[in-house]
C-alpha atoms as a PDB file:
ATOM      1  CA  MET A   1       9.401 108.073  81.597  1.00  0.00           C
ATOM      2  CA  ASN A   2      10.110 105.163  79.283  1.00  0.00           C
ATOM      3  CA  SER A   3       8.604 102.088  80.969  1.00  0.00           C
ATOM      4  CA  ASP A   4      10.826  99.504  79.241  1.00  0.00           C
ATOM      5  CA  ARG A   5      13.105  98.146  81.935  1.00  0.00           C
ATOM      6  CA  HIS A   6      15.830  97.448  79.385  1.00  0.00           C
ATOM      7  CA  ALA A   7      15.509 100.665  77.372  1.00  0.00           C
ATOM      8  CA  GLN A   8      18.295 102.658  78.983  1.00  0.00           C
ATOM      9  CA  ALA A   9      21.664 102.262  77.327  1.00  0.00           C
ATOM     10  CA  ALA A  10      25.090 103.242  78.557  1.00  0.00           C
ATOM     11  CA  PHE A  11      26.575 106.674  77.982  1.00  0.00           C
ATOM     12  CA  PRO A  12      29.535 106.998  75.646  1.00  0.00           C
ATOM     13  CA  VAL A  13      32.879 107.889  77.231  1.00  0.00           C
ATOM     14  CA  LEU A  14      32.775 111.628  77.888  1.00  0.00           C
ATOM     15  CA  THR A  15      36.250 112.910  78.609  1.00  0.00           C
ATOM     16  CA  PRO A  16      36.844 116.634  79.284  1.00  0.00           C
ATOM     17  CA  ASP A  17      38.522 116.972  75.869  1.00  0.00           C
ATOM     18  CA  THR A  18      35.491 115.418  74.168  1.00  0.00           C
ATOM     19  CA  VAL A  19      32.995 117.606  76.015  1.00  0.00           C
ATOM     20  CA  ILE A  20      34.915 120.839  75.379  1.00  0.00           C
ATOM     21  CA  THR A  21      35.460 119.996  71.704  1.00  0.00           C
ATOM     22  CA  LEU A  22      31.755 119.300  71.154  1.00  0.00           C
ATOM     23  CA  ALA A  23      30.789 122.639  72.677  1.00  0.00           C
ATOM     24  CA  GLU A  24      33.378 124.513  70.608  1.00  0.00           C
ATOM     25  CA  GLN A  25      32.271 122.845  67.389  1.00  0.00           C
ATOM     26  CA  GLN A  26      28.559 123.383  67.970  1.00  0.00           C
ATOM     27  CA  LEU A  27      28.773 127.006  69.146  1.00  0.00           C
ATOM     28  CA  ASP A  28      31.772 128.056  67.030  1.00  0.00           C
ATOM     29  CA  LEU A  29      33.713 129.464  69.965  1.00  0.00           C
ATOM     30  CA  ARG A  30      36.688 128.673  72.149  1.00  0.00           C
ATOM     31  CA  CYS A  31      36.485 127.317  75.699  1.00  0.00           C
ATOM     32  CA  GLN A  32      38.948 127.428  78.532  1.00  0.00           C
ATOM     33  CA  ALA A  33      40.387 124.161  79.846  1.00  0.00           C
ATOM     34  CA  ILE A  34      37.643 123.935  82.451  1.00  0.00           C
ATOM     35  CA  CYS A  35      35.196 121.016  82.579  1.00  0.00           C
ATOM     36  CA  ARG A  36      33.423 120.287  85.845  1.00  0.00           C
ATOM     37  CA  GLN A  37      30.955 117.426  86.060  1.00  0.00           C
ATOM     38  CA  LEU A  38      27.813 118.469  87.943  1.00  0.00           C
ATOM     39  CA  ASN A  39      25.656 116.316  90.176  1.00  0.00           C
ATOM     40  CA  SER A  40      23.030 114.678  87.976  1.00  0.00           C
ATOM     41  CA  TYR A  41      22.197 110.981  88.186  1.00  0.00           C
ATOM     42  CA  ILE A  42      19.911 110.709  85.160  1.00  0.00           C
ATOM     43  CA  ASN A  43      21.864 112.749  82.629  1.00  0.00           C
ATOM     44  CA  ARG A  44      25.536 113.666  82.321  1.00  0.00           C
ATOM     45  CA  VAL A  45      25.992 117.391  82.898  1.00  0.00           C
ATOM     46  CA  PHE A  46      29.182 119.450  82.693  1.00  0.00           C
ATOM     47  CA  GLU A  47      30.018 123.068  83.417  1.00  0.00           C
ATOM     48  CA  LEU A  48      32.259 124.847  80.904  1.00  0.00           C
ATOM     49  CA  GLU A  49      33.574 128.367  80.438  1.00  0.00           C
ATOM     50  CA  THR A  50      34.356 130.222  77.240  1.00  0.00           C
ATOM     51  CA  GLU A  51      37.550 132.205  76.733  1.00  0.00           C
ATOM     52  CA  GLU A  52      35.444 135.350  77.244  1.00  0.00           C
ATOM     53  CA  GLY A  53      34.310 134.071  80.649  1.00  0.00           C
ATOM     54  CA  GLN A  54      30.765 133.050  79.706  1.00  0.00           C
ATOM     55  CA  GLY A  55      29.569 130.040  81.683  1.00  0.00           C
ATOM     56  CA  LEU A  56      28.001 127.138  79.814  1.00  0.00           C
ATOM     57  CA  VAL A  57      26.253 123.945  80.895  1.00  0.00           C
ATOM     58  CA  ILE A  58      26.257 121.005  78.478  1.00  0.00           C
ATOM     59  CA  LYS A  59      23.731 118.250  79.139  1.00  0.00           C
ATOM     60  CA  PHE A  60      23.975 114.753  77.635  1.00  0.00           C
ATOM     61  CA  TYR A  61      20.596 113.020  77.825  1.00  0.00           C
ATOM     62  CA  ARG A  62      20.501 109.461  79.113  1.00  0.00           C
ATOM     63  CA  PRO A  63      20.067 107.182  76.072  1.00  0.00           C
ATOM     64  CA  GLY A  64      16.655 105.549  75.876  1.00  0.00           C
ATOM     65  CA  ARG A  65      14.898 107.833  78.362  1.00  0.00           C
ATOM     66  CA  TRP A  66      13.297 110.293  75.957  1.00  0.00           C
ATOM     67  CA  SER A  67      12.928 110.248  72.197  1.00  0.00           C
ATOM     68  CA  GLN A  68      14.504 113.004  70.148  1.00  0.00           C
ATOM     69  CA  GLN A  69      11.001 114.262  69.321  1.00  0.00           C
ATOM     70  CA  ALA A  70      10.099 114.488  73.015  1.00  0.00           C
ATOM     71  CA  ILE A  71      13.232 116.466  73.892  1.00  0.00           C
ATOM     72  CA  GLU A  72      12.730 118.776  70.913  1.00  0.00           C
ATOM     73  CA  GLU A  73       9.151 119.382  72.023  1.00  0.00           C
ATOM     74  CA  ALA A  74      10.325 120.452  75.477  1.00  0.00           C
ATOM     75  CA  ASP A  75      12.947 122.706  73.892  1.00  0.00           C
ATOM     76  CA  ARG A  76      10.323 124.339  71.674  1.00  0.00           C
ATOM     77  CA  PHE A  77       8.177 125.021  74.718  1.00  0.00           C
ATOM     78  CA  ILE A  78      11.101 126.618  76.583  1.00  0.00           C
ATOM     79  CA  LEU A  79      12.020 128.763  73.577  1.00  0.00           C
ATOM     80  CA  GLU A  80       8.384 129.773  73.175  1.00  0.00           C
ATOM     81  CA  LEU A  81       8.315 130.844  76.812  1.00  0.00           C
ATOM     82  CA  GLN A  82      11.520 132.803  76.281  1.00  0.00           C
ATOM     83  CA  GLU A  83       9.938 134.598  73.331  1.00  0.00           C
ATOM     84  CA  HIS A  84       7.154 135.711  75.690  1.00  0.00           C
ATOM     85  CA  GLU A  85       9.813 137.071  78.086  1.00  0.00           C
ATOM     86  CA  ILE A  86       9.032 134.451  80.717  1.00  0.00           C
ATOM     87  CA  PRO A  87      12.161 133.800  82.828  1.00  0.00           C
ATOM     88  CA  VAL A  88      13.431 130.369  81.827  1.00  0.00           C
ATOM     89  CA  VAL A  89      16.901 128.996  81.136  1.00  0.00           C
ATOM     90  CA  ALA A  90      16.592 128.106  77.459  1.00  0.00           C
ATOM     91  CA  PRO A  91      18.938 125.958  75.354  1.00  0.00           C
ATOM     92  CA  LEU A  92      21.372 127.761  73.081  1.00  0.00           C
ATOM     93  CA  LEU A  93      20.882 127.267  69.361  1.00  0.00           C
ATOM     94  CA  MET A  94      23.648 125.165  67.874  1.00  0.00           C
ATOM     95  CA  LYS A  95      24.434 124.297  64.253  1.00  0.00           C
ATOM     96  CA  ASP A  96      21.359 122.104  63.806  1.00  0.00           C
ATOM     97  CA  GLY A  97      19.037 123.605  66.409  1.00  0.00           C
ATOM     98  CA  SER A  98      18.700 123.043  70.156  1.00  0.00           C
ATOM     99  CA  LEU A  99      19.868 119.402  69.984  1.00  0.00           C
ATOM    100  CA  ALA A 100      22.986 117.690  68.672  1.00  0.00           C
ATOM    101  CA  THR A 101      24.215 114.090  68.736  1.00  0.00           C
ATOM    102  CA  HIS A 102      27.445 112.470  69.867  1.00  0.00           C
ATOM    103  CA  GLU A 103      27.731 108.699  69.394  1.00  0.00           C
ATOM    104  CA  ASN A 104      23.931 108.321  69.364  1.00  0.00           C
ATOM    105  CA  THR A 105      23.625 110.410  72.545  1.00  0.00           C
ATOM    106  CA  LEU A 106      21.640 113.647  72.353  1.00  0.00           C
ATOM    107  CA  PHE A 107      22.933 116.771  74.041  1.00  0.00           C
ATOM    108  CA  SER A 108      22.019 120.433  74.551  1.00  0.00           C
ATOM    109  CA  ILE A 109      23.973 123.450  75.741  1.00  0.00           C
ATOM    110  CA  PHE A 110      22.581 126.080  78.106  1.00  0.00           C
ATOM    111  CA  PRO A 111      23.906 129.345  79.497  1.00  0.00           C
ATOM    112  CA  ARG A 112      25.025 128.967  83.099  1.00  0.00           C
ATOM    113  CA  MET A 113      22.584 130.722  85.409  1.00  0.00           C
ATOM    114  CA  GLY A 114      23.594 131.423  88.987  1.00  0.00           C
ATOM    115  CA  GLY A 115      21.114 131.729  91.824  1.00  0.00           C
ATOM    116  CA  ARG A 116      19.777 130.114  94.976  1.00  0.00           C
ATOM    117  CA  PHE A 117      17.154 127.477  95.637  1.00  0.00           C
ATOM    118  CA  LEU A 118      14.575 128.502  98.229  1.00  0.00           C
ATOM    119  CA  ASP A 119      12.482 125.966 100.112  1.00  0.00           C
ATOM    120  CA  GLU A 120      10.392 128.625 101.895  1.00  0.00           C
ATOM    121  CA  PHE A 121       8.731 131.620 100.288  1.00  0.00           C
ATOM    122  CA  SER A 122       7.575 134.982 101.604  1.00  0.00           C
ATOM    123  CA  ASP A 123       4.063 136.275 100.908  1.00  0.00           C
ATOM    124  CA  GLU A 124       5.387 138.460  98.098  1.00  0.00           C
ATOM    125  CA  GLN A 125       7.272 135.528  96.610  1.00  0.00           C
ATOM    126  CA  TRP A 126       4.112 133.419  96.606  1.00  0.00           C
ATOM    127  CA  LEU A 127       2.400 136.178  94.611  1.00  0.00           C
ATOM    128  CA  GLU A 128       5.401 136.248  92.265  1.00  0.00           C
ATOM    129  CA  ILE A 129       5.313 132.469  91.792  1.00  0.00           C
ATOM    130  CA  GLY A 130       1.619 132.682  91.013  1.00  0.00           C
ATOM    131  CA  ARG A 131       2.227 135.347  88.377  1.00  0.00           C
ATOM    132  CA  LEU A 132       5.119 133.373  86.883  1.00  0.00           C
ATOM    133  CA  LEU A 133       3.141 130.137  86.558  1.00  0.00           C
ATOM    134  CA  GLY A 134       0.068 131.987  85.318  1.00  0.00           C
ATOM    135  CA  ARG A 135       2.133 133.476  82.508  1.00  0.00           C
ATOM    136  CA  MET A 136       3.749 130.127  81.719  1.00  0.00           C
ATOM    137  CA  HIS A 137       0.402 128.338  81.632  1.00  0.00           C
ATOM    138  CA  ARG A 138      -1.121 130.976  79.398  1.00  0.00           C
ATOM    139  CA  VAL A 139       1.489 129.967  76.817  1.00  0.00           C
ATOM    140  CA  GLY A 140       1.212 126.273  77.670  1.00  0.00           C
ATOM    141  CA  ALA A 141      -2.518 126.292  76.989  1.00  0.00           C
ATOM    142  CA  THR A 142      -2.134 127.308  73.355  1.00  0.00           C
ATOM    143  CA  GLN A 143      -1.433 123.728  72.204  1.00  0.00           C
ATOM    144  CA  GLN A 144      -0.753 120.191  73.396  1.00  0.00           C
ATOM    145  CA  ALA A 145       2.593 118.400  73.453  1.00  0.00           C
ATOM    146  CA  ASP A 146       2.016 115.508  71.060  1.00  0.00           C
ATOM    147  CA  ASN A 147       5.241 113.674  71.976  1.00  0.00           C
ATOM    148  CA  ARG A 148       4.781 113.914  75.743  1.00  0.00           C
ATOM    149  CA  ASN A 149       2.680 111.891  78.171  1.00  0.00           C
ATOM    150  CA  THR A 150      -0.595 113.095  79.630  1.00  0.00           C
ATOM    151  CA  LEU A 151      -0.769 112.993  83.417  1.00  0.00           C
ATOM    152  CA  HIS A 152      -3.770 110.890  84.428  1.00  0.00           C
ATOM    153  CA  PRO A 153      -4.261 108.026  86.921  1.00  0.00           C
ATOM    154  CA  GLN A 154      -5.536 105.660  84.253  1.00  0.00           C
ATOM    155  CA  ARG A 155      -2.627 106.404  81.967  1.00  0.00           C
ATOM    156  CA  THR A 156       0.656 107.417  83.592  1.00  0.00           C
ATOM    157  CA  THR A 157      -0.027 105.913  87.025  1.00  0.00           C
ATOM    158  CA  ALA A 158      -1.573 102.707  85.710  1.00  0.00           C
ATOM    159  CA  ASP A 159       1.415 102.256  83.383  1.00  0.00           C
ATOM    160  CA  GLN A 160       3.831 102.697  86.294  1.00  0.00           C
ATOM    161  CA  VAL A 161       1.962 100.183  88.461  1.00  0.00           C
ATOM    162  CA  GLU A 162       1.960  97.702  85.585  1.00  0.00           C
ATOM    163  CA  PHE A 163       5.692  98.249  85.080  1.00  0.00           C
ATOM    164  CA  LEU A 164       6.396  97.572  88.765  1.00  0.00           C
ATOM    165  CA  GLY A 165       4.333  94.393  88.543  1.00  0.00           C
ATOM    166  CA  ARG A 166       6.342  93.026  85.614  1.00  0.00           C
ATOM    167  CA  GLY A 167       9.656  93.015  87.412  1.00  0.00           C
ATOM    168  CA  ASP A 168      11.050  91.453  90.537  1.00  0.00           C
ATOM    169  CA  PHE A 169      11.369  94.818  92.243  1.00  0.00           C
ATOM    170  CA  MET A 170       9.550  93.979  95.482  1.00  0.00           C
ATOM    171  CA  PRO A 171       9.226  90.919  97.701  1.00  0.00           C
ATOM    172  CA  PRO A 172       6.493  88.620  96.353  1.00  0.00           C
ATOM    173  CA  HIS A 173       4.526  88.599  99.630  1.00  0.00           C
ATOM    174  CA  LEU A 174       4.065  92.408  99.424  1.00  0.00           C
ATOM    175  CA  GLN A 175       2.995  92.592  95.797  1.00  0.00           C
ATOM    176  CA  LYS A 176      -0.659  91.732  96.377  1.00  0.00           C
ATOM    177  CA  ARG A 177      -1.192  94.496  98.939  1.00  0.00           C
ATOM    178  CA  PHE A 178       0.718  97.053  96.877  1.00  0.00           C
ATOM    179  CA  HIS A 179      -1.320  96.389  93.761  1.00  0.00           C
ATOM    180  CA  ALA A 180      -4.599  96.317  95.702  1.00  0.00           C
ATOM    181  CA  ILE A 181      -3.915  99.762  97.180  1.00  0.00           C
ATOM    182  CA  CYS A 182      -2.871 101.127  93.791  1.00  0.00           C
ATOM    183  CA  SER A 183      -6.012  99.717  92.189  1.00  0.00           C
ATOM    184  CA  ASP A 184      -8.224 101.291  94.869  1.00  0.00           C
ATOM    185  CA  LEU A 185      -6.388 104.575  94.490  1.00  0.00           C
ATOM    186  CA  ILE A 186      -6.749 104.748  90.716  1.00  0.00           C
ATOM    187  CA  GLU A 187     -10.429 103.815  90.915  1.00  0.00           C
ATOM    188  CA  LEU A 188     -11.048 106.526  93.530  1.00  0.00           C
ATOM    189  CA  ILE A 189      -9.177 109.426  91.940  1.00  0.00           C
ATOM    190  CA  ALA A 190      -9.711 108.881  88.199  1.00  0.00           C
ATOM    191  CA  PRO A 191     -13.183 110.511  88.226  1.00  0.00           C
ATOM    192  CA  MET A 192     -11.664 113.619  89.846  1.00  0.00           C
ATOM    193  CA  PHE A 193      -9.697 114.258  86.647  1.00  0.00           C
ATOM    194  CA  ALA A 194     -12.840 114.308  84.487  1.00  0.00           C
ATOM    195  CA  ASP A 195     -13.410 117.631  82.702  1.00  0.00           C
ATOM    196  CA  MET A 196     -10.193 119.101  84.077  1.00  0.00           C
ATOM    197  CA  GLU A 197      -8.205 121.317  81.758  1.00  0.00           C
ATOM    198  CA  THR A 198      -5.082 119.706  80.291  1.00  0.00           C
ATOM    199  CA  ILE A 199      -2.245 121.932  79.079  1.00  0.00           C
ATOM    200  CA  ARG A 200       1.515 121.816  78.552  1.00  0.00           C
ATOM    201  CA  LEU A 201       3.281 121.919  81.906  1.00  0.00           C
ATOM    202  CA  HIS A 202       6.754 122.089  83.362  1.00  0.00           C
ATOM    203  CA  GLY A 203       5.758 118.808  85.039  1.00  0.00           C
ATOM    204  CA  ASP A 204       8.339 118.725  87.842  1.00  0.00           C
ATOM    205  CA  CYS A 205       8.019 122.189  89.354  1.00  0.00           C
ATOM    206  CA  HIS A 206       9.501 121.928  92.847  1.00  0.00           C
ATOM    207  CA  PHE A 207      11.793 124.346  94.671  1.00  0.00           C
ATOM    208  CA  ALA A 208      14.985 122.825  93.218  1.00  0.00           C
ATOM    209  CA  ASN A 209      13.780 123.676  89.707  1.00  0.00           C
ATOM    210  CA  MET A 210      13.269 127.361  90.479  1.00  0.00           C
ATOM    211  CA  ILE A 211      16.334 129.602  90.742  1.00  0.00           C
ATOM    212  CA  HIS A 212      15.967 132.708  92.858  1.00  0.00           C
ATOM    213  CA  ARG A 213      18.090 135.679  91.817  1.00  0.00           C
ATOM    214  CA  PRO A 214      18.022 138.702  94.155  1.00  0.00           C
ATOM    215  CA  ASP A 215      16.390 141.752  92.558  1.00  0.00           C
ATOM    216  CA  GLU A 216      15.238 139.585  89.648  1.00  0.00           C
ATOM    217  CA  SER A 217      12.442 137.136  88.995  1.00  0.00           C
ATOM    218  CA  PHE A 218      12.455 133.436  89.767  1.00  0.00           C
ATOM    219  CA  PHE A 219      13.790 131.448  86.803  1.00  0.00           C
ATOM    220  CA  LEU A 220      12.355 128.067  85.820  1.00  0.00           C
ATOM    221  CA  ILE A 221      14.881 125.376  84.907  1.00  0.00           C
ATOM    222  CA  ASP A 222      14.935 121.698  83.893  1.00  0.00           C
ATOM    223  CA  PHE A 223      11.933 120.937  81.684  1.00  0.00           C
ATOM    224  CA  ASP A 224      13.032 117.295  81.259  1.00  0.00           C
ATOM    225  CA  ASP A 225       9.729 116.042  82.700  1.00  0.00           C
ATOM    226  CA  MET A 226       7.473 118.306  80.645  1.00  0.00           C
ATOM    227  CA  ILE A 227       4.017 116.763  80.416  1.00  0.00           C
ATOM    228  CA  ASN A 228       0.405 117.496  79.505  1.00  0.00           C
ATOM    229  CA  GLY A 229      -1.780 117.764  82.582  1.00  0.00           C
ATOM    230  CA  PRO A 230      -3.879 119.912  84.919  1.00  0.00           C
ATOM    231  CA  PRO A 231      -2.238 123.238  85.889  1.00  0.00           C
ATOM    232  CA  ILE A 232      -2.272 122.349  89.612  1.00  0.00           C
ATOM    233  CA  GLN A 233       0.541 119.832  88.899  1.00  0.00           C
ATOM    234  CA  ASP A 234       2.983 122.733  88.516  1.00  0.00           C
ATOM    235  CA  VAL A 235       2.377 124.177  91.986  1.00  0.00           C
ATOM    236  CA  TRP A 236       1.319 121.577  94.528  1.00  0.00           C
ATOM    237  CA  MET A 237       4.917 120.417  95.172  1.00  0.00           C
ATOM    238  CA  LEU A 238       5.822 123.971  96.195  1.00  0.00           C
ATOM    239  CA  PHE A 239       3.240 124.111  98.986  1.00  0.00           C
ATOM    240  CA  PRO A 240       4.717 123.534 102.449  1.00  0.00           C
ATOM    241  CA  SER A 241       2.385 120.693 103.461  1.00  0.00           C
ATOM    242  CA  TYR A 242      -0.909 118.979 102.714  1.00  0.00           C
ATOM    243  CA  ARG A 243      -3.676 121.027 101.102  1.00  0.00           C
ATOM    244  CA  ARG A 244      -5.563 121.719 104.323  1.00  0.00           C
ATOM    245  CA  ASP A 245      -2.346 122.928 105.970  1.00  0.00           C
ATOM    246  CA  SER A 246      -1.344 125.217 103.092  1.00  0.00           C
ATOM    247  CA  LEU A 247      -4.417 127.438 102.786  1.00  0.00           C
ATOM    248  CA  PRO A 248      -2.640 130.825 103.169  1.00  0.00           C
ATOM    249  CA  GLU A 249      -0.054 129.875 100.540  1.00  0.00           C
ATOM    250  CA  ILE A 250      -2.751 128.621  98.166  1.00  0.00           C
ATOM    251  CA  GLU A 251      -4.658 131.900  98.443  1.00  0.00           C
ATOM    252  CA  LEU A 252      -1.544 133.964  97.762  1.00  0.00           C
ATOM    253  CA  PHE A 253      -0.595 131.789  94.815  1.00  0.00           C
ATOM    254  CA  LEU A 254      -4.082 132.088  93.331  1.00  0.00           C
ATOM    255  CA  GLU A 255      -4.065 135.859  93.733  1.00  0.00           C
ATOM    256  CA  GLY A 256      -0.864 136.087  91.714  1.00  0.00           C
ATOM    257  CA  TYR A 257      -1.866 133.426  89.166  1.00  0.00           C
ATOM    258  CA  GLU A 258      -5.219 135.023  88.385  1.00  0.00           C
ATOM    259  CA  THR A 259      -3.491 138.270  87.489  1.00  0.00           C
ATOM    260  CA  PHE A 260      -2.743 136.575  84.172  1.00  0.00           C
ATOM    261  CA  ARG A 261      -5.022 133.563  83.903  1.00  0.00           C
ATOM    262  CA  SER A 262      -8.144 132.119  85.472  1.00  0.00           C
ATOM    263  CA  PHE A 263      -7.730 129.096  87.721  1.00  0.00           C
ATOM    264  CA  ASP A 264     -10.266 126.292  88.066  1.00  0.00           C
ATOM    265  CA  ARG A 265     -10.536 125.871  91.838  1.00  0.00           C
ATOM    266  CA  ARG A 266     -12.083 122.444  91.398  1.00  0.00           C
ATOM    267  CA  SER A 267      -8.580 121.247  90.582  1.00  0.00           C
ATOM    268  CA  LEU A 268      -7.482 121.896  94.171  1.00  0.00           C
ATOM    269  CA  GLN A 269      -9.067 118.544  94.961  1.00  0.00           C
ATOM    270  CA  LEU A 270      -6.289 116.971  92.847  1.00  0.00           C
ATOM    271  CA  ILE A 271      -3.469 118.008  95.193  1.00  0.00           C
ATOM    272  CA  GLU A 272      -3.605 114.929  97.412  1.00  0.00           C
ATOM    273  CA  PRO A 273      -4.291 112.515  94.516  1.00  0.00           C
ATOM    274  CA  LEU A 274      -1.280 113.976  92.702  1.00  0.00           C
ATOM    275  CA  ARG A 275       0.806 113.443  95.826  1.00  0.00           C
ATOM    276  CA  ALA A 276      -0.164 109.757  95.853  1.00  0.00           C
ATOM    277  CA  MET A 277       0.601 109.496  92.146  1.00  0.00           C
ATOM    278  CA  ARG A 278       3.998 111.033  92.867  1.00  0.00           C
ATOM    279  CA  TYR A 279       4.755 108.242  95.360  1.00  0.00           C
ATOM    280  CA  ILE A 280       4.130 105.654  92.649  1.00  0.00           C
ATOM    281  CA  HIS A 281       5.980 107.675  90.027  1.00  0.00           C
ATOM    282  CA  TYR A 282       9.081 107.857  92.207  1.00  0.00           C
ATOM    283  CA  ALA A 283       8.990 104.151  93.019  1.00  0.00           C
ATOM    284  CA  ALA A 284       8.753 103.344  89.309  1.00  0.00           C
ATOM    285  CA  TRP A 285      11.550 105.792  88.524  1.00  0.00           C
ATOM    286  CA  CYS A 286      13.800 104.101  91.101  1.00  0.00           C
ATOM    287  CA  ALA A 287      12.892 100.682  89.735  1.00  0.00           C
ATOM    288  CA  GLN A 288      13.887 101.766  86.258  1.00  0.00           C
ATOM    289  CA  GLN A 289      17.243 103.025  87.519  1.00  0.00           C
ATOM    290  CA  SER A 290      17.881  99.951  89.648  1.00  0.00           C
ATOM    291  CA  LEU A 291      19.622  98.056  86.827  1.00  0.00           C
ATOM    292  CA  ASP A 292      22.403 100.607  86.934  1.00  0.00           C
ATOM    293  CA  PRO A 293      25.040  99.440  89.468  1.00  0.00           C
ATOM    294  CA  GLY A 294      25.721 103.051  90.363  1.00  0.00           C
ATOM    295  CA  PHE A 295      22.156 103.472  91.592  1.00  0.00           C
ATOM    296  CA  ALA A 296      22.348 100.501  93.939  1.00  0.00           C
ATOM    297  CA  ALA A 297      25.592 101.799  95.425  1.00  0.00           C
ATOM    298  CA  GLN A 298      24.036 105.195  96.148  1.00  0.00           C
ATOM    299  CA  ASN A 299      20.654 103.856  97.289  1.00  0.00           C
ATOM    300  CA  PRO A 300      21.316 100.668  99.288  1.00  0.00           C
ATOM    301  CA  GLU A 301      17.938 100.786 101.061  1.00  0.00           C
ATOM    302  CA  TRP A 302      15.902 100.952  97.875  1.00  0.00           C
ATOM    303  CA  GLY A 303      14.055  97.744  96.999  1.00  0.00           C
ATOM    304  CA  THR A 304      14.412  96.176 100.437  1.00  0.00           C
ATOM    305  CA  GLU A 305      11.437  94.763 102.303  1.00  0.00           C
ATOM    306  CA  LEU A 306      11.556  97.750 104.667  1.00  0.00           C
ATOM    307  CA  TYR A 307      11.473 100.194 101.742  1.00  0.00           C
ATOM    308  CA  TRP A 308       8.421  98.567 100.170  1.00  0.00           C
ATOM    309  CA  GLN A 309       6.630  98.205 103.490  1.00  0.00           C
ATOM    310  CA  GLU A 310       7.055 101.917 104.120  1.00  0.00           C
ATOM    311  CA  GLU A 311       5.977 102.708 100.566  1.00  0.00           C
ATOM    312  CA  ILE A 312       2.818 100.640 100.984  1.00  0.00           C
ATOM    313  CA  ASN A 313       2.048 102.248 104.357  1.00  0.00           C
ATOM    314  CA  ASP A 314       2.529 105.735 102.903  1.00  0.00           C
ATOM    315  CA  LEU A 315       0.215 104.932 100.004  1.00  0.00           C
ATOM    316  CA  ALA A 316      -2.413 103.487 102.362  1.00  0.00           C
ATOM    317  CA  SER A 317      -2.273 106.609 104.535  1.00  0.00           C
ATOM    318  CA  GLN A 318      -2.537 108.873 101.523  1.00  0.00           C
ATOM    319  CA  LEU A 319      -5.467 106.876 100.161  1.00  0.00           C
ATOM    320  CA  GLU A 320      -7.284 107.337 103.471  1.00  0.00           C
ATOM    321  CA  ARG A 321      -6.476 111.061 103.439  1.00  0.00           C
ATOM    322  CA  ILE A 322      -8.014 111.393  99.960  1.00  0.00           C
ATOM    323  CA  ARG A 323     -11.135 109.537 101.069  1.00  0.00           C
ATOM    324  CA  GLN A 324     -11.590 112.088 103.839  1.00  0.00           C
ATOM    325  CA  GLU A 325     -11.261 115.068 101.466  1.00  0.00           C
ATOM    326  CA  PRO A 326     -14.288 116.846  99.970  1.00  0.00           C
ATOM    327  CA  THR A 327     -15.075 115.360  96.572  1.00  0.00           C
ATOM    328  CA  SER A 328     -16.493 118.440  94.871  1.00  0.00           C
ATOM    329  CA  ALA A 329     -15.575 122.073  95.098  1.00  0.00           C
ATOM    330  CA  GLY A 330     -16.894 123.822  92.071  1.00  0.00           C
ATOM    331  CA  ASN A 331     -15.308 127.264  91.937  1.00  0.00           C
ATOM    332  CA  ASN A 332     -16.383 128.111  95.459  1.00  0.00           C
ATOM    333  CA  PRO A 333     -13.419 129.823  97.189  1.00  0.00           C
ATOM    334  CA  MET A 334     -14.685 128.413 100.490  1.00  0.00           C
ATOM    335  CA  TYR A 335     -13.416 125.038  99.267  1.00  0.00           C
ATOM    336  CA  LEU A 336     -10.026 126.171 100.449  1.00  0.00           C
END
């Protein structure tokens, strides 16, 4: 996430005629007169259909959020996964590659992929998810993403806390407590990341970014938040609850994952720290969007004293939960 509060620029006017014409020009095909805007706050996303009935999704990336190099790096990762027959929804290659530009706004085109989102998984599906992520991480570990952030408390989280402190996002009388809790949190969890493996990740792997297709594999979608980080980042959001309450699911996941790749069980101690980091990440994300009038209209409670009080209380509770967790696990399966 770009931390400059003023970095995000407005989208150009995207009429149905414009969107359809861009797709036709880039893919050298003809589309029907169908252009449905899909629900996406960050980007502008439209569903199209070719004259042959093939569904397309065209995504216009919010100006200022990611550099062209960062988006291209995510696209290369997706295409690399596709080459290894890992089920992902990859961008279609256009005239100049996976990215094109319209009025200084980058866009990609994807095949439309139907399916369902599941928020609960069977035992067999947990094994399948483990195998899927193990395969993805085996590819992700072959190199780093030079144009993407590295997930670490002293880097990404510290930057987000500093960004929140620069603006007038929260009531002044709550700022001191918020920053004190964040400082304690970063100091506590940073050593836990020492010597942990860092690879290319999906970065935002929750149930809404996995499409389930009956009689087929899960498909991974939306690599917008691709990042370098510990492999556990790509699974902890899928678990049904806190680490101690998700032990059966963790064991099933690990059984599937280790079919293709070893897993450092020490990194299980990062689940609750990553959850706390996610709280801060989301608050910073909302703060960055708050300059957009459309965000305020859709999120009237964000930024109020009640919002920040609840955010601070949640962070304090999570900090206490982390303090009560074991601090070292080695590779002992009993750590679970």
